[in-house]
C-alpha atoms as a PDB file:
ATOM      1  CA  MET A   1      -0.023  -0.067   0.193  1.00  0.00           C
ATOM      2  CA  SER A   2       2.209   2.730  -1.430  1.00  0.00           C
ATOM      3  CA  TRP A   3      -0.947   5.413  -0.367  1.00  0.00           C
ATOM      4  CA  PHE A   4       0.405   5.669   3.073  1.00  0.00           C
ATOM      5  CA  ARG A   5       4.156   6.358   1.838  1.00  0.00           C
ATOM      6  CA  LYS A   6       5.467   9.570   2.245  1.00  0.00           C
ATOM      7  CA  ASP A   7       8.408  10.363   0.024  1.00  0.00           C
ATOM      8  CA  ARG A   8      10.426  12.932   0.934  1.00  0.00           C
ATOM      9  CA  GLN A   9      11.244  15.588  -1.473  1.00  0.00           C
ATOM     10  CA  PRO A  10      14.947  16.513  -1.750  1.00  0.00           C
ATOM     11  CA  ASP A  11      16.057  19.988   0.348  1.00  0.00           C
ATOM     12  CA  ILE A  12      17.966  22.837  -2.164  1.00  0.00           C
ATOM     13  CA  TRP A  13      21.313  21.874  -1.015  1.00  0.00           C
ATOM     14  CA  GLU A  14      20.661  17.936  -2.814  1.00  0.00           C
ATOM     15  CA  VAL A  15      19.281  19.611  -5.593  1.00  0.00           C
ATOM     16  CA  ALA A  16      22.073  22.078  -5.779  1.00  0.00           C
ATOM     17  CA  GLY A  17      23.562  22.031  -9.626  1.00  0.00           C
ATOM     18  CA  ASP A  18      27.171  21.388 -10.340  1.00  0.00           C
ATOM     19  CA  GLU A  19      27.292  24.309 -12.917  1.00  0.00           C
ATOM     20  CA  PRO A  20      29.231  27.237 -11.797  1.00  0.00           C
ATOM     21  CA  LEU A  21      27.091  30.572 -10.797  1.00  0.00           C
ATOM     22  CA  ASP A  22      28.148  34.090 -10.270  1.00  0.00           C
ATOM     23  CA  ASP A  23      28.491  35.777  -7.173  1.00  0.00           C
ATOM     24  CA  ILE A  24      24.887  37.376  -6.956  1.00  0.00           C
ATOM     25  CA  ALA A  25      23.228  33.591  -7.575  1.00  0.00           C
ATOM     26  CA  ALA A  26      25.601  31.287  -5.275  1.00  0.00           C
ATOM     27  CA  ALA A  27      24.690  34.137  -2.725  1.00  0.00           C
ATOM     28  CA  HIS A  28      21.954  33.461  -3.307  1.00  0.00           C
ATOM     29  CA  GLY A  29      21.563  29.793  -3.625  1.00  0.00           C
ATOM     30  CA  ILE A  30      23.407  30.043   0.026  1.00  0.00           C
ATOM     31  CA  ARG A  31      20.989  32.386   1.371  1.00  0.00           C
ATOM     32  CA  ASP A  32      17.881  29.862   0.376  1.00  0.00           C
ATOM     33  CA  ILE A  33      20.389  27.050   1.885  1.00  0.00           C
ATOM     34  CA  CYS A  34      20.667  28.892   5.337  1.00  0.00           C
ATOM     35  CA  ALA A  35      16.656  28.868   5.637  1.00  0.00           C
ATOM     36  CA  ALA A  36      15.609  26.169   4.671  1.00  0.00           C
ATOM     37  CA  ALA A  37      18.919  24.390   7.321  1.00  0.00           C
ATOM     38  CA  GLY A  38      17.096  27.342  10.015  1.00  0.00           C
ATOM     39  CA  ALA A  39      14.268  25.365  10.516  1.00  0.00           C
ATOM     40  CA  ILE A  40      16.014  22.264  10.998  1.00  0.00           C
ATOM     41  CA  ALA A  41      18.204  24.376  13.369  1.00  0.00           C
ATOM     42  CA  GLU A  42      15.734  25.043  15.305  1.00  0.00           C
ATOM     43  CA  LYS A  43      14.131  21.335  15.438  1.00  0.00           C
ATOM     44  CA  MET A  44      17.934  20.598  16.620  1.00  0.00           C
ATOM     45  CA  ALA A  45      18.472  23.836  19.557  1.00  0.00           C
ATOM     46  CA  ALA A  46      15.309  23.141  20.792  1.00  0.00           C
ATOM     47  CA  GLY A  47      15.911  18.337  21.998  1.00  0.00           C
ATOM     48  CA  GLY A  48      12.787  17.513  23.183  1.00  0.00           C
ATOM     49  CA  ARG A  49      11.649  14.353  23.220  1.00  0.00           C
ATOM     50  CA  ARG A  50      12.291  12.853  19.146  1.00  0.00           C
ATOM     51  CA  ALA A  51      13.838   9.456  18.612  1.00  0.00           C
ATOM     52  CA  GLU A  52      17.106   9.438  18.637  1.00  0.00           C
ATOM     53  CA  GLN A  53      17.259   8.248  14.188  1.00  0.00           C
ATOM     54  CA  ASP A  54      15.133  11.187  14.049  1.00  0.00           C
ATOM     55  CA  GLN A  55      18.024  13.968  15.698  1.00  0.00           C
ATOM     56  CA  ALA A  56      20.657  11.569  13.952  1.00  0.00           C
ATOM     57  CA  VAL A  57      18.746  13.004  10.515  1.00  0.00           C
ATOM     58  CA  ASP A  58      18.413  16.269  11.461  1.00  0.00           C
ATOM     59  CA  ALA A  59      21.834  16.366  11.729  1.00  0.00           C
ATOM     60  CA  ALA A  60      22.748  14.553   9.099  1.00  0.00           C
ATOM     61  CA  ARG A  61      21.013  16.984   7.000  1.00  0.00           C
ATOM     62  CA  TYR A  62      22.290  19.651   9.260  1.00  0.00           C
ATOM     63  CA  GLN A  63      26.086  18.721   7.980  1.00  0.00           C
ATOM     64  CA  ALA A  64      24.944  18.328   3.888  1.00  0.00           C
ATOM     65  CA  ALA A  65      23.887  22.437   4.268  1.00  0.00           C
ATOM     66  CA  ILE A  66      26.673  23.869   5.351  1.00  0.00           C
ATOM     67  CA  LYS A  67      28.889  21.575   3.363  1.00  0.00           C
ATOM     68  CA  CYS A  68      27.130  22.714   0.411  1.00  0.00           C
ATOM     69  CA  ALA A  69      26.548  26.399   1.714  1.00  0.00           C
ATOM     70  CA  LEU A  70      30.480  26.504   2.396  1.00  0.00           C
ATOM     71  CA  GLU A  71      31.602  25.455  -1.129  1.00  0.00           C
ATOM     72  CA  ILE A  72      29.898  27.540  -2.613  1.00  0.00           C
ATOM     73  CA  ALA A  73      30.810  30.334  -0.559  1.00  0.00           C
ATOM     74  CA  MET A  74      34.571  29.477  -1.281  1.00  0.00           C
ATOM     75  CA  LYS A  75      33.596  30.061  -4.830  1.00  0.00           C
ATOM     76  CA  ILE A  76      32.174  34.081  -4.663  1.00  0.00           C
ATOM     77  CA  SER A  77      34.774  36.260  -5.661  1.00  0.00           C
ATOM     78  CA  ASP A  78      33.395  40.092  -4.935  1.00  0.00           C
ATOM     79  CA  ASP A  79      34.830  40.158  -0.778  1.00  0.00           C
ATOM     80  CA  ALA A  80      31.697  41.640   0.197  1.00  0.00           C
ATOM     81  CA  MET A  81      29.754  39.074  -0.879  1.00  0.00           C
ATOM     82  CA  ARG A  82      31.397  36.407   0.884  1.00  0.00           C
ATOM     83  CA  ASP A  83      31.425  37.943   4.142  1.00  0.00           C
ATOM     84  CA  VAL A  84      27.757  38.546   4.309  1.00  0.00           C
ATOM     85  CA  SER A  85      27.129  35.000   3.027  1.00  0.00           C
ATOM     86  CA  LEU A  86      29.427  33.694   5.239  1.00  0.00           C
ATOM     87  CA  GLY A  87      27.417  35.844   8.175  1.00  0.00           C
ATOM     88  CA  GLN A  88      24.540  34.146   7.198  1.00  0.00           C
ATOM     89  CA  ILE A  89      26.818  30.678   7.419  1.00  0.00           C
ATOM     90  CA  ILE A  90      27.800  31.410  10.967  1.00  0.00           C
ATOM     91  CA  ARG A  91      24.232  33.092  12.855  1.00  0.00           C
ATOM     92  CA  LEU A  92      22.814  28.902  11.422  1.00  0.00           C
ATOM     93  CA  CYS A  93      26.198  27.941  13.425  1.00  0.00           C
ATOM     94  CA  VAL A  94      25.063  29.457  16.304  1.00  0.00           C
ATOM     95  CA  LYS A  95      21.950  28.625  16.753  1.00  0.00           C
ATOM     96  CA  VAL A  96      23.002  24.933  16.528  1.00  0.00           C
ATOM     97  CA  ASP A  97      26.097  25.892  18.623  1.00  0.00           C
ATOM     98  CA  HIS A  98      28.548  24.879  16.988  1.00  0.00           C
ATOM     99  CA  LEU A  99      31.022  27.667  17.933  1.00  0.00           C
ATOM    100  CA  LYS A 100      34.599  25.991  17.220  1.00  0.00           C
ATOM    101  CA  THR A 101      32.248  26.379  13.188  1.00  0.00           C
ATOM    102  CA  ALA A 102      31.168  30.033  13.689  1.00  0.00           C
ATOM    103  CA  ARG A 103      34.777  31.085  15.877  1.00  0.00           C
ATOM    104  CA  VAL A 104      36.771  29.571  12.329  1.00  0.00           C
ATOM    105  CA  LEU A 105      34.461  31.940   9.916  1.00  0.00           C
ATOM    106  CA  VAL A 106      34.232  34.810  11.372  1.00  0.00           C
ATOM    107  CA  ARG A 107      38.111  34.797  11.111  1.00  0.00           C
ATOM    108  CA  ALA A 108      37.822  33.993   7.442  1.00  0.00           C
ATOM    109  CA  ILE A 109      35.648  37.189   6.925  1.00  0.00           C
ATOM    110  CA  LYS A 110      37.193  40.342   5.962  1.00  0.00           C
ATOM    111  CA  SER A 111      35.498  42.776   6.515  1.00  0.00           C
ATOM    112  CA  GLU A 112      36.439  44.213  10.089  1.00  0.00           C
ATOM    113  CA  LYS A 113      32.563  46.007   9.558  1.00  0.00           C
ATOM    114  CA  THR A 114      30.887  42.626   8.746  1.00  0.00           C
ATOM    115  CA  ARG A 115      33.143  40.675  11.842  1.00  0.00           C
ATOM    116  CA  ALA A 116      32.069  43.788  14.120  1.00  0.00           C
ATOM    117  CA  GLU A 117      28.779  43.035  13.072  1.00  0.00           C
ATOM    118  CA  LEU A 118      28.510  39.630  14.077  1.00  0.00           C
ATOM    119  CA  THR A 119      30.547  40.159  17.060  1.00  0.00           C
ATOM    120  CA  ALA A 120      28.106  41.966  18.245  1.00  0.00           C
ATOM    121  CA  ASP A 121      24.910  40.241  17.671  1.00  0.00           C
ATOM    122  CA  HIS A 122      26.534  37.106  18.864  1.00  0.00           C
ATOM    123  CA  PRO A 123      29.005  37.809  22.024  1.00  0.00           C
ATOM    124  CA  VAL A 124      30.101  34.130  21.810  1.00  0.00           C
ATOM    125  CA  LEU A 125      31.851  34.380  18.860  1.00  0.00           C
ATOM    126  CA  ARG A 126      33.896  37.329  21.035  1.00  0.00           C
ATOM    127  CA  GLY A 127      35.318  35.435  23.836  1.00  0.00           C
ATOM    128  CA  GLN A 128      37.561  32.519  21.094  1.00  0.00           C
ATOM    129  CA  ASP A 129      38.334  35.843  18.887  1.00  0.00           C
ATOM    130  CA  ALA A 130      39.825  37.413  21.989  1.00  0.00           C
ATOM    131  CA  ALA A 131      42.792  34.312  22.643  1.00  0.00           C
ATOM    132  CA  SER A 132      43.376  34.181  19.568  1.00  0.00           C
END
């Protein structure tokens, strides 16, 4: 009985093509990936009583989203667009308390203004930055 079986739609980062993107399209793609992964991050951050299998599936989907977004961000040649895109990825990392990744990405941002805004919004990122 296939009536009750729900085939899961592929996530946006699973259908991302291999064709080269211009900087604007890449930034839009990262924004869309971060928006879609934000719901997963909220479920992960909330915790709650969910099956371990569901938690593992969400963690794997989140990791795949971050990996895809970072791969796209590496291809952006405009520093300002890349910094904004990295900022979106950092906010997603902070949401699920992946501070090690977030701190590494903060150091990759070239704009002092963007870096200052991120550390002002998320003071937890300042702790490691001051020690480095």
